[in-house]
Amino acid sequence: MSKFVAKGIYYKKGEEHKFQKTLTAKNQKEAQEKVYAEFGSKNKLKRRAIIINEIKEEKKNE
């Protein structure tokens, strides 16, 4: 499992909000699905209201 950082915006009640979320996932596609699932369940948003601008794998500092 790798750590990913997702950045983007979401729209709620006509207002635009920026977000940055760190999460653990197997790959980039799974990380994207987790972002949609978490924002949808916690903020009652549809997928079309969430715009993910970038998902990057977090570098490991060893």
N, C-alpha and C. Protein backbone atom coordinates (compact mmCIF):
# COMPACT_ATOMS: atom_id res chain seq x y z
N MET A 1 0.84 -1.17 0.00
CA MET A 1 0.00 0.00 0.00
C MET A 1 0.89 1.24 0.00
N SER A 2 0.50 2.20 -0.80
CA SER A 2 1.25 3.45 -0.93
C SER A 2 0.39 4.61 -0.44
N LYS A 3 1.07 5.69 -0.09
CA LYS A 3 0.35 6.91 0.30
C LYS A 3 0.23 7.82 -0.90
N PHE A 4 -0.95 8.39 -1.07
CA PHE A 4 -1.22 9.31 -2.17
C PHE A 4 -1.75 10.62 -1.62
N VAL A 5 -1.47 11.70 -2.34
CA VAL A 5 -2.00 13.02 -2.00
C VAL A 5 -2.90 13.45 -3.16
N ALA A 6 -4.16 13.71 -2.85
CA ALA A 6 -5.13 14.15 -3.85
C ALA A 6 -5.45 15.62 -3.61
N LYS A 7 -5.47 16.40 -4.69
CA LYS A 7 -5.80 17.82 -4.61
C LYS A 7 -6.91 18.12 -5.61
N GLY A 8 -7.79 19.03 -5.23
CA GLY A 8 -8.86 19.40 -6.14
C GLY A 8 -9.84 20.36 -5.50
N ILE A 9 -11.02 20.41 -6.08
CA ILE A 9 -12.08 21.28 -5.57
C ILE A 9 -13.40 20.51 -5.54
N TYR A 10 -14.31 20.99 -4.71
CA TYR A 10 -15.66 20.45 -4.73
C TYR A 10 -16.64 21.60 -4.57
N TYR A 11 -17.83 21.39 -5.07
CA TYR A 11 -18.88 22.41 -5.02
C TYR A 11 -19.97 21.96 -4.06
N LYS A 12 -20.29 22.84 -3.12
CA LYS A 12 -21.35 22.56 -2.16
C LYS A 12 -22.17 23.83 -1.97
N LYS A 13 -23.46 23.74 -2.21
CA LYS A 13 -24.38 24.87 -2.09
C LYS A 13 -23.93 26.07 -2.91
N GLY A 14 -23.43 25.81 -4.13
CA GLY A 14 -23.03 26.88 -5.03
C GLY A 14 -21.68 27.49 -4.73
N GLU A 15 -20.99 27.01 -3.71
CA GLU A 15 -19.68 27.55 -3.35
C GLU A 15 -18.58 26.55 -3.70
N GLU A 16 -17.44 27.09 -4.09
CA GLU A 16 -16.29 26.27 -4.45
C GLU A 16 -15.36 26.14 -3.24
N HIS A 17 -14.94 24.92 -2.94
CA HIS A 17 -14.05 24.66 -1.82
C HIS A 17 -12.85 23.84 -2.31
N LYS A 18 -11.64 24.24 -1.90
CA LYS A 18 -10.44 23.49 -2.25
C LYS A 18 -10.21 22.40 -1.21
N PHE A 19 -9.57 21.31 -1.64
CA PHE A 19 -9.22 20.27 -0.69
C PHE A 19 -7.87 19.66 -1.04
N GLN A 20 -7.24 19.10 -0.02
CA GLN A 20 -6.02 18.30 -0.17
C GLN A 20 -6.16 17.16 0.81
N LYS A 21 -6.10 15.93 0.32
CA LYS A 21 -6.36 14.76 1.15
C LYS A 21 -5.24 13.74 0.97
N THR A 22 -4.72 13.23 2.08
CA THR A 22 -3.72 12.17 2.05
C THR A 22 -4.42 10.86 2.41
N LEU A 23 -4.19 9.83 1.59
CA LEU A 23 -4.83 8.55 1.85
C LEU A 23 -3.95 7.39 1.41
N THR A 24 -4.28 6.21 1.87
CA THR A 24 -3.53 5.00 1.56
C THR A 24 -4.33 4.17 0.57
N ALA A 25 -3.64 3.71 -0.50
CA ALA A 25 -4.31 2.91 -1.52
C ALA A 25 -3.28 2.05 -2.24
N LYS A 26 -3.77 1.06 -2.99
CA LYS A 26 -2.89 0.18 -3.75
C LYS A 26 -2.33 0.88 -4.99
N ASN A 27 -3.20 1.68 -5.65
CA ASN A 27 -2.78 2.38 -6.86
C ASN A 27 -3.56 3.68 -7.00
N GLN A 28 -3.26 4.41 -8.06
CA GLN A 28 -3.87 5.73 -8.27
C GLN A 28 -5.38 5.64 -8.50
N LYS A 29 -5.83 4.64 -9.20
CA LYS A 29 -7.26 4.46 -9.48
C LYS A 29 -8.04 4.22 -8.19
N GLU A 30 -7.48 3.39 -7.31
CA GLU A 30 -8.13 3.13 -6.02
C GLU A 30 -8.15 4.39 -5.16
N ALA A 31 -7.09 5.17 -5.22
CA ALA A 31 -7.03 6.43 -4.47
C ALA A 31 -8.13 7.37 -4.95
N GLN A 32 -8.35 7.44 -6.25
CA GLN A 32 -9.40 8.28 -6.82
C GLN A 32 -10.77 7.83 -6.32
N GLU A 33 -11.02 6.54 -6.32
CA GLU A 33 -12.31 6.02 -5.85
C GLU A 33 -12.52 6.33 -4.37
N LYS A 34 -11.46 6.25 -3.57
CA LYS A 34 -11.57 6.56 -2.14
C LYS A 34 -11.93 8.02 -1.91
N VAL A 35 -11.35 8.92 -2.71
CA VAL A 35 -11.68 10.34 -2.58
C VAL A 35 -13.17 10.55 -2.86
N TYR A 36 -13.66 9.98 -3.96
CA TYR A 36 -15.08 10.12 -4.29
C TYR A 36 -15.96 9.53 -3.19
N ALA A 37 -15.59 8.36 -2.68
CA ALA A 37 -16.39 7.69 -1.65
C ALA A 37 -16.43 8.49 -0.36
N GLU A 38 -15.28 8.99 0.08
CA GLU A 38 -15.22 9.73 1.35
C GLU A 38 -15.97 11.06 1.28
N PHE A 39 -15.74 11.82 0.21
CA PHE A 39 -16.43 13.10 0.08
C PHE A 39 -17.93 12.89 -0.12
N GLY A 40 -18.29 11.86 -0.84
CA GLY A 40 -19.71 11.58 -1.05
C GLY A 40 -20.42 11.20 0.23
N SER A 41 -19.78 10.40 1.06
CA SER A 41 -20.45 9.95 2.28
C SER A 41 -20.43 11.02 3.38
N LYS A 42 -19.34 11.74 3.52
CA LYS A 42 -19.22 12.72 4.60
C LYS A 42 -19.90 14.05 4.28
N ASN A 43 -19.85 14.47 3.02
CA ASN A 43 -20.39 15.77 2.63
C ASN A 43 -21.65 15.69 1.79
N LYS A 44 -22.15 14.48 1.55
CA LYS A 44 -23.36 14.27 0.74
C LYS A 44 -23.23 14.90 -0.64
N LEU A 45 -22.11 14.61 -1.32
CA LEU A 45 -21.84 15.16 -2.64
C LEU A 45 -21.93 14.08 -3.71
N LYS A 46 -22.35 14.47 -4.88
CA LYS A 46 -22.32 13.59 -6.04
C LYS A 46 -20.93 13.65 -6.66
N ARG A 47 -20.57 12.64 -7.44
CA ARG A 47 -19.25 12.61 -8.07
C ARG A 47 -19.03 13.80 -9.00
N ARG A 48 -20.08 14.27 -9.64
CA ARG A 48 -19.92 15.40 -10.57
C ARG A 48 -19.60 16.70 -9.85
N ALA A 49 -19.82 16.76 -8.52
CA ALA A 49 -19.51 17.97 -7.74
C ALA A 49 -18.08 17.96 -7.22
N ILE A 50 -17.35 16.85 -7.45
CA ILE A 50 -15.98 16.71 -6.97
C ILE A 50 -15.05 16.68 -8.18
N ILE A 51 -14.09 17.59 -8.21
CA ILE A 51 -13.14 17.65 -9.32
C ILE A 51 -11.74 17.42 -8.74
N ILE A 52 -11.14 16.29 -9.12
CA ILE A 52 -9.79 15.96 -8.66
C ILE A 52 -8.81 16.48 -9.70
N ASN A 53 -7.96 17.43 -9.31
CA ASN A 53 -7.00 18.01 -10.24
C ASN A 53 -5.73 17.18 -10.37
N GLU A 54 -5.30 16.57 -9.25
CA GLU A 54 -4.11 15.73 -9.34
C GLU A 54 -4.06 14.74 -8.18
N ILE A 55 -3.49 13.59 -8.47
CA ILE A 55 -3.22 12.58 -7.45
C ILE A 55 -1.77 12.17 -7.63
N LYS A 56 -0.97 12.39 -6.59
CA LYS A 56 0.45 12.05 -6.64
C LYS A 56 0.79 11.05 -5.55
N GLU A 57 1.71 10.15 -5.88
CA GLU A 57 2.20 9.23 -4.86
C GLU A 57 3.19 9.97 -3.98
N GLU A 58 3.02 9.84 -2.68
CA GLU A 58 3.90 10.52 -1.73
C GLU A 58 5.23 9.79 -1.68
N LYS A 59 6.31 10.54 -1.77
CA LYS A 59 7.65 9.95 -1.74
C LYS A 59 7.99 9.49 -0.33
N LYS A 60 8.67 8.35 -0.24
CA LYS A 60 9.10 7.83 1.06
C LYS A 60 10.45 8.43 1.40
N ASN A 61 10.57 8.97 2.61
CA ASN A 61 11.84 9.53 3.07
C ASN A 61 12.58 8.46 3.86
N GLU A 62 13.61 7.90 3.25
CA GLU A 62 14.37 6.84 3.93
C GLU A 62 15.78 7.29 4.16
